[in-house]
Amino acid sequence: MASSSSGVNGSTDSTTARRQTKRPKYSKFTQQELPACKPILTPKAVISAFLLVSVVFIPIGVASLFASRDVVEIVDRYESECVPSNYTDKVAFIQSSADKTCNRTLQVKKRMKSPIYVYYQLDNFYQNHRRYVKSRSDEQLRDSKKQSSTSDCKPEDMFNGSAIVPCGLIAWSLFNDTYSFSLNNRNLTVNKKGISWKSDREHKFGKDVFPKNFPNNIKNSTALVGGASLDETIPLSEQEDLIVWMRTAALPTFRKLYGKIETDLNVGDSIQVILENNYNTYSFNGKKKLVLSTTSWLGGKNDFLGIAYLTVGGLCFFLALSFTIVYFIKPRQLGDPSYLSWNRNPGGH
């Protein structure tokens, strides 16, 4: 019996020793004993937090709304008005060789300080379509030595057996409506320099890359024309209309910068616009709008940010007020064990 007992004790000691050798080295990190912030959500702390958020958010929301309301916009939708009444088929008109010139008049109802930004707005145009977004070659746009890199540009990759530069559906569908402005028989110059991102001009579009074999440039060909043509003597880094268009929009309704008018406009001014209605949005029931807009310290006109801040701030103020009323009407002691389920119902399981 003694030998049997010593054998059991020996096996137990060896098992204990093995277990001890497998234990990880003790540290406060592995045992989660590091100092940590463990705030206790007392009623006063919660009410104070909600009040702080409301005090910060509501003034920001009010300031954002005032900044947005200070922005002056003139919006003119023209895709239907610029089709002659004798054309019942709008698609046939836009695809014909008829004169696309259209005269519009814009009335200034509030003083507009320069610079005044000129945008074109398209509705129901899905630039975020997966196949459309992928139909481009960033290598080709950036490096003149890789003009044959058109594997991602289908179906606008090759023309007459040669690579298209710039290739892809995005470049091929470049917006080609044009606008010219005049005030009191005096031309308003539209500055088209600096309308694109500086990073795009310097890093994404090469200074030694020139348009080549572009289908929209070739007249009297069987190629399907998509949009604007490109000047083959100007490098892509200086063709800012293209650079702006190539930065695709995330939503089907978007605005893109056309240029800047660097002259103040006063109340009552009547701006004459001569536009070329060339871009085909009629095939997909799209809308075209010409937008003249000033800016504020917050940017363009956008009420969403101010409304969002006011909504969150107002909700936090309402919650703080509700919790304050409950706290004074029906207070409860913090950590009171009588509220535990087994104390509230001693006979339950």
Protein backbone atom coordinates (compact mmCIF):
# COMPACT_ATOMS: atom_id res chain seq x y z
CA MET A 1 0.00 0.00 0.00
CA ALA A 2 2.82 2.36 0.79
CA SER A 3 4.44 1.78 -2.56
CA SER A 4 1.13 2.35 -4.28
CA SER A 5 0.64 5.62 -2.41
CA SER A 6 4.11 6.83 -3.28
CA GLY A 7 3.44 6.01 -6.93
CA VAL A 8 0.26 8.12 -6.95
CA ASN A 9 2.04 11.00 -5.24
CA GLY A 10 4.85 10.78 -7.78
CA SER A 11 2.51 10.92 -10.74
CA THR A 12 0.64 13.85 -9.17
CA ASP A 13 3.86 15.79 -8.64
CA SER A 14 4.97 15.16 -12.20
CA THR A 15 1.60 16.35 -13.56
CA THR A 16 1.80 19.48 -11.44
CA ALA A 17 5.32 20.13 -12.67
CA ARG A 18 4.24 19.75 -16.29
CA ARG A 19 1.35 22.16 -15.75
CA GLN A 20 3.67 24.70 -14.16
CA THR A 21 6.08 24.53 -17.09
CA LYS A 22 3.20 25.25 -19.55
CA ARG A 23 2.05 28.34 -17.73
CA PRO A 24 2.78 31.60 -19.60
CA LYS A 25 5.18 34.00 -18.02
CA TYR A 26 3.32 36.29 -15.71
CA SER A 27 2.84 39.89 -16.81
CA LYS A 28 0.29 42.56 -16.12
CA PHE A 29 -0.48 42.76 -19.83
CA THR A 30 -1.34 39.06 -20.26
CA GLN A 31 -3.34 39.06 -17.04
CA GLN A 32 -5.14 42.30 -18.01
CA GLU A 33 -4.00 44.07 -14.87
CA LEU A 34 -2.76 47.25 -16.54
CA PRO A 35 -4.19 50.57 -15.33
CA ALA A 36 -7.32 51.42 -17.27
CA CYS A 37 -9.93 54.11 -17.34
CA LYS A 38 -13.15 52.68 -15.97
CA PRO A 39 -15.63 55.55 -15.84
CA ILE A 40 -18.78 55.14 -13.84
CA LEU A 41 -21.79 56.45 -15.73
CA THR A 42 -23.45 58.41 -12.98
CA PRO A 43 -26.55 60.46 -13.85
CA LYS A 44 -24.60 63.71 -13.48
CA ALA A 45 -21.84 62.49 -15.82
CA VAL A 46 -24.32 61.39 -18.49
CA ILE A 47 -26.34 64.61 -18.30
CA SER A 48 -23.15 66.69 -18.44
CA ALA A 49 -21.89 64.78 -21.50
CA PHE A 50 -25.13 65.30 -23.41
CA LEU A 51 -25.18 69.00 -22.47
CA LEU A 52 -21.58 69.41 -23.62
CA VAL A 53 -22.33 67.87 -27.01
CA SER A 54 -25.40 70.06 -27.47
CA VAL A 55 -23.52 73.23 -26.46
CA VAL A 56 -20.78 72.47 -29.02
CA PHE A 57 -22.93 71.14 -31.88
CA ILE A 58 -25.78 73.66 -31.94
CA PRO A 59 -23.58 76.77 -32.50
CA ILE A 60 -21.62 74.90 -35.21
CA GLY A 61 -24.89 73.95 -36.91
CA VAL A 62 -26.19 77.50 -36.81
CA ALA A 63 -22.91 78.87 -38.20
CA SER A 64 -22.88 76.26 -40.98
CA LEU A 65 -26.46 77.08 -41.99
CA PHE A 66 -25.74 80.82 -42.09
CA ALA A 67 -22.64 80.19 -44.21
CA SER A 68 -24.66 78.03 -46.60
CA ARG A 69 -27.43 80.62 -46.86
CA ASP A 70 -24.86 83.32 -47.73
CA VAL A 71 -23.92 81.40 -50.88
CA VAL A 72 -25.66 82.80 -53.97
CA GLU A 73 -26.61 80.33 -56.71
CA ILE A 74 -28.15 80.67 -60.14
CA VAL A 75 -29.31 77.35 -61.56
CA ASP A 76 -30.62 77.03 -65.13
CA ARG A 77 -31.87 73.72 -66.51
CA TYR A 78 -31.62 73.82 -70.28
CA GLU A 79 -31.61 70.37 -71.89
CA SER A 80 -35.30 70.58 -72.85
CA GLU A 81 -35.41 74.31 -73.61
CA CYS A 82 -32.50 74.05 -76.05
CA VAL A 83 -34.23 71.60 -78.38
CA PRO A 84 -36.15 73.28 -81.25
CA SER A 85 -39.90 72.80 -81.16
CA ASN A 86 -39.92 71.16 -84.59
CA TYR A 87 -37.93 68.21 -83.20
CA THR A 88 -40.14 65.69 -81.44
CA ASP A 89 -37.29 63.20 -81.13
CA LYS A 90 -34.64 64.75 -78.90
CA VAL A 91 -32.15 61.95 -79.47
CA ALA A 92 -32.41 62.44 -83.23
CA PHE A 93 -31.76 66.17 -82.76
CA ILE A 94 -28.66 65.75 -80.62
CA GLN A 95 -27.23 63.19 -83.05
CA SER A 96 -27.94 65.32 -86.11
CA SER A 97 -25.74 68.00 -87.67
CA ALA A 98 -28.25 70.75 -86.85
CA ASP A 99 -27.11 73.95 -85.18
CA LYS A 100 -26.90 73.32 -81.41
CA THR A 101 -26.48 76.96 -80.39
CA CYS A 102 -28.85 78.07 -77.65
CA ASN A 103 -29.32 81.48 -76.03
CA ARG A 104 -30.17 81.73 -72.34
CA THR A 105 -30.65 84.65 -69.96
CA LEU A 106 -29.71 84.53 -66.27
CA GLN A 107 -31.00 87.13 -63.82
CA VAL A 108 -28.88 88.11 -60.81
CA LYS A 109 -31.20 88.51 -57.81
CA LYS A 110 -28.50 88.95 -55.16
CA ARG A 111 -25.02 90.44 -55.36
CA MET A 112 -22.39 87.88 -56.28
CA LYS A 113 -18.80 88.55 -55.29
CA SER A 114 -15.99 87.16 -57.41
CA PRO A 115 -14.75 84.59 -57.95
CA ILE A 116 -18.00 83.16 -59.30
CA TYR A 117 -17.72 79.47 -60.04
CA VAL A 118 -19.32 78.06 -63.18
CA TYR A 119 -20.44 74.43 -62.94
CA TYR A 120 -22.28 72.03 -65.20
CA GLN A 121 -24.59 69.63 -63.42
CA LEU A 122 -25.69 66.25 -64.76
CA ASP A 123 -28.53 64.18 -63.32
CA ASN A 124 -29.08 60.45 -63.82
CA PHE A 125 -25.51 59.95 -65.08
CA TYR A 126 -23.89 56.99 -63.30
CA GLN A 127 -20.17 57.70 -63.38
CA ASN A 128 -19.83 55.21 -60.52
CA HIS A 129 -20.77 52.26 -62.73
CA ARG A 130 -18.11 49.58 -62.20
CA ARG A 131 -17.32 49.00 -65.86
CA TYR A 132 -17.22 52.74 -66.54
CA VAL A 133 -14.90 53.50 -63.61
CA LYS A 134 -12.46 50.72 -64.59
CA SER A 135 -12.32 51.76 -68.25
CA ARG A 136 -9.12 53.84 -68.02
CA SER A 137 -5.35 53.40 -67.88
CA ASP A 138 -3.60 55.43 -65.20
CA GLU A 139 -0.20 54.23 -66.45
CA GLN A 140 -0.91 55.58 -69.92
CA LEU A 141 -2.15 58.92 -68.57
CA ARG A 142 0.98 59.33 -66.45
CA ASP A 143 3.83 57.97 -68.62
CA SER A 144 4.42 58.58 -72.33
CA LYS A 145 6.41 55.35 -72.54
CA LYS A 146 3.33 53.28 -71.70
CA GLN A 147 0.91 54.51 -74.37
CA SER A 148 0.23 50.93 -75.43
CA SER A 149 -1.05 50.05 -71.94
CA THR A 150 -4.74 49.77 -72.85
CA SER A 151 -5.72 46.41 -71.36
CA ASP A 152 -8.22 48.01 -68.93
CA CYS A 153 -9.73 50.42 -71.44
CA LYS A 154 -12.12 48.21 -73.37
CA PRO A 155 -14.19 48.90 -75.38
CA GLU A 156 -12.39 52.20 -76.17
CA ASP A 157 -8.85 50.78 -76.25
CA MET A 158 -7.89 50.62 -79.93
CA PHE A 159 -8.88 52.55 -83.05
CA ASN A 160 -7.76 51.67 -86.56
CA GLY A 161 -5.30 49.20 -85.10
CA SER A 162 -3.53 51.74 -82.86
CA ALA A 163 -3.78 52.54 -79.17
CA ILE A 164 -6.08 55.39 -78.15
CA VAL A 165 -4.56 58.07 -75.94
CA PRO A 166 -6.28 58.70 -73.56
CA CYS A 167 -8.14 55.40 -73.76
CA GLY A 168 -11.28 54.25 -71.96
CA LEU A 169 -14.93 55.17 -71.65
CA ILE A 170 -14.36 58.03 -69.20
CA ALA A 171 -12.17 60.05 -71.54
CA TRP A 172 -14.28 59.11 -74.57
CA SER A 173 -17.46 60.47 -72.92
CA LEU A 174 -15.90 63.84 -72.00
CA PHE A 175 -18.56 66.55 -71.52
CA ASN A 176 -18.63 68.85 -74.56
CA ASP A 177 -21.27 71.52 -73.94
CA THR A 178 -19.67 74.97 -74.05
CA TYR A 179 -20.71 78.27 -72.47
CA SER A 180 -19.86 81.91 -73.17
CA PHE A 181 -21.14 84.79 -71.05
CA SER A 182 -21.72 88.47 -71.67
CA LEU A 183 -23.00 91.36 -69.57
CA ASN A 184 -24.19 94.63 -71.14
CA ASN A 185 -22.67 93.62 -74.47
CA ARG A 186 -19.35 93.01 -72.71
CA ASN A 187 -17.84 89.52 -72.63
CA LEU A 188 -17.34 87.90 -69.26
CA THR A 189 -14.10 85.96 -69.40
CA VAL A 190 -14.22 82.45 -67.96
CA ASN A 191 -10.90 81.47 -66.40
CA LYS A 192 -10.33 77.75 -66.93
CA LYS A 193 -6.93 77.60 -65.24
CA GLY A 194 -6.59 75.94 -61.86
CA ILE A 195 -10.02 74.25 -61.95
CA SER A 196 -8.55 70.76 -61.36
CA TRP A 197 -6.72 69.29 -58.39
CA LYS A 198 -3.04 70.23 -58.29
CA SER A 199 -2.13 66.65 -57.32
CA ASP A 200 -3.89 65.35 -60.44
CA ARG A 201 -2.08 67.77 -62.73
CA GLU A 202 1.33 67.04 -61.26
CA HIS A 203 1.16 63.31 -60.58
CA LYS A 204 -1.66 61.60 -62.50
CA PHE A 205 -1.42 63.27 -65.91
CA GLY A 206 1.93 63.42 -67.67
CA LYS A 207 3.46 66.60 -69.06
CA ASP A 208 4.82 64.59 -72.00
CA VAL A 209 1.62 62.65 -72.76
CA PHE A 210 -0.34 64.01 -75.74
CA PRO A 211 -3.72 62.86 -77.15
CA LYS A 212 -3.30 60.46 -80.03
CA ASN A 213 -5.70 58.51 -82.21
CA PHE A 214 -8.63 59.86 -80.14
CA PRO A 215 -11.92 58.83 -81.83
CA ASN A 216 -13.72 62.10 -81.02
CA ASN A 217 -11.03 64.03 -82.94
CA ILE A 218 -11.46 62.08 -86.18
CA LYS A 219 -14.13 63.57 -88.42
CA ASN A 220 -16.07 61.67 -91.08
CA SER A 221 -15.15 58.33 -89.52
CA THR A 222 -17.31 55.35 -88.64
CA ALA A 223 -16.33 55.66 -84.97
CA LEU A 224 -19.07 56.40 -82.50
CA VAL A 225 -18.45 59.88 -81.10
CA GLY A 226 -18.81 60.10 -77.34
CA GLY A 227 -18.11 63.69 -76.34
CA ALA A 228 -15.51 66.43 -76.62
CA SER A 229 -12.38 66.32 -78.76
CA LEU A 230 -8.89 66.99 -77.40
CA ASP A 231 -6.16 69.27 -78.69
CA GLU A 232 -3.30 67.01 -79.75
CA THR A 233 -0.72 69.79 -79.29
CA ILE A 234 -1.45 70.26 -75.56
CA PRO A 235 -0.25 67.70 -72.96
CA LEU A 236 -2.83 66.00 -70.77
CA SER A 237 -1.51 67.77 -67.67
CA GLU A 238 -2.76 71.08 -69.13
CA GLN A 239 -6.14 69.86 -70.39
CA GLU A 240 -8.00 70.60 -67.19
CA ASP A 241 -11.50 69.93 -68.53
CA LEU A 242 -10.39 66.34 -69.06
CA ILE A 243 -8.72 66.13 -65.65
CA VAL A 244 -11.89 67.37 -63.91
CA TRP A 245 -14.05 64.91 -65.87
CA MET A 246 -11.74 61.96 -65.16
CA ARG A 247 -12.27 62.35 -61.39
CA THR A 248 -15.47 60.32 -61.42
CA ALA A 249 -18.44 61.20 -59.23
CA ALA A 250 -19.84 58.87 -56.58
CA LEU A 251 -23.50 59.80 -57.08
CA PRO A 252 -25.70 59.96 -60.21
CA THR A 253 -26.29 63.70 -59.68
CA PHE A 254 -23.08 65.69 -59.67
CA ARG A 255 -21.51 69.02 -60.53
CA LYS A 256 -18.15 69.59 -62.17
CA LEU A 257 -16.26 72.85 -62.35
CA TYR A 258 -16.24 74.49 -65.79
CA GLY A 259 -14.39 77.69 -64.92
CA LYS A 260 -14.38 80.90 -62.87
CA ILE A 261 -15.77 84.36 -63.60
CA GLU A 262 -13.56 86.89 -61.85
CA THR A 263 -15.97 89.83 -62.01
CA ASP A 264 -18.54 90.91 -59.41
CA LEU A 265 -22.20 90.71 -60.45
CA ASN A 266 -24.76 93.11 -59.01
CA VAL A 267 -28.48 92.83 -58.32
CA GLY A 268 -30.50 93.24 -61.50
CA ASP A 269 -27.72 92.25 -63.88
CA SER A 270 -28.90 90.22 -66.84
CA ILE A 271 -26.32 87.71 -68.08
CA GLN A 272 -26.58 86.52 -71.66
CA VAL A 273 -25.38 82.96 -72.18
CA ILE A 274 -24.57 81.42 -75.55
CA LEU A 275 -24.21 77.69 -75.11
CA GLU A 276 -23.59 74.77 -77.42
CA ASN A 277 -25.99 71.99 -76.54
CA ASN A 278 -23.86 69.07 -77.78
CA TYR A 279 -23.84 66.48 -75.01
CA ASN A 280 -26.31 63.63 -75.39
CA THR A 281 -28.16 63.11 -72.12
CA TYR A 282 -31.44 62.40 -73.91
CA SER A 283 -30.66 58.72 -74.51
CA PHE A 284 -30.80 58.02 -70.76
CA ASN A 285 -33.28 60.72 -69.67
CA GLY A 286 -30.54 62.79 -68.09
CA LYS A 287 -30.79 66.43 -67.10
CA LYS A 288 -28.32 69.25 -67.75
CA LYS A 289 -28.02 72.38 -65.66
CA LEU A 290 -25.78 75.43 -65.77
CA VAL A 291 -24.86 76.66 -62.28
CA LEU A 292 -23.26 79.94 -61.22
CA SER A 293 -22.30 79.96 -57.56
CA THR A 294 -20.30 81.90 -55.00
CA THR A 295 -18.62 80.27 -52.01
CA SER A 296 -18.32 80.83 -48.27
CA TRP A 297 -15.71 79.82 -45.68
CA LEU A 298 -17.44 76.43 -45.64
CA GLY A 299 -17.44 75.97 -49.42
CA GLY A 300 -20.48 75.80 -51.70
CA LYS A 301 -24.15 75.76 -50.83
CA ASN A 302 -24.91 72.74 -48.64
CA ASP A 303 -27.50 72.78 -45.87
CA PHE A 304 -26.96 69.13 -44.90
CA LEU A 305 -23.98 69.74 -42.61
CA GLY A 306 -25.75 72.46 -40.63
CA ILE A 307 -28.96 70.43 -40.33
CA ALA A 308 -26.99 67.38 -39.19
CA TYR A 309 -25.22 69.33 -36.44
CA LEU A 310 -28.47 70.92 -35.29
CA THR A 311 -30.25 67.57 -35.25
CA VAL A 312 -27.57 65.85 -33.15
CA GLY A 313 -27.22 68.85 -30.83
CA GLY A 314 -30.99 69.16 -30.38
CA LEU A 315 -31.34 65.43 -29.70
CA CYS A 316 -28.59 65.55 -27.07
CA PHE A 317 -30.20 68.55 -25.40
CA PHE A 318 -33.57 66.76 -25.31
CA LEU A 319 -31.97 63.65 -23.76
CA ALA A 320 -30.11 65.75 -21.18
CA LEU A 321 -33.36 67.51 -20.24
CA SER A 322 -35.27 64.21 -20.01
CA PHE A 323 -32.62 62.56 -17.84
CA THR A 324 -32.54 65.63 -15.57
CA ILE A 325 -36.30 65.50 -15.03
CA VAL A 326 -36.21 61.76 -14.32
CA TYR A 327 -33.25 62.22 -11.96
CA PHE A 328 -35.08 64.81 -9.84
CA ILE A 329 -38.52 63.20 -9.92
CA LYS A 330 -37.50 59.59 -9.31
CA PRO A 331 -33.89 59.40 -8.11
CA ARG A 332 -32.20 56.11 -7.31
CA GLN A 333 -29.09 55.31 -5.33
CA LEU A 334 -26.08 54.34 -7.41
CA GLY A 335 -25.26 50.64 -7.02
CA ASP A 336 -28.37 49.86 -4.98
CA PRO A 337 -28.50 46.00 -4.73
CA SER A 338 -32.26 46.05 -4.25
CA TYR A 339 -32.64 46.53 -8.00
CA LEU A 340 -30.97 43.19 -8.76
CA SER A 341 -33.37 40.65 -10.20
CA TRP A 342 -32.81 38.03 -7.48
CA ASN A 343 -33.47 40.63 -4.77
CA ARG A 344 -36.58 42.02 -6.47
CA ASN A 345 -37.99 38.49 -6.83
CA PRO A 346 -36.53 36.36 -4.00
CA GLY A 347 -38.83 33.41 -4.69
CA GLY A 348 -37.93 33.20 -8.37
CA HIS A 349 -35.29 31.05 -9.99
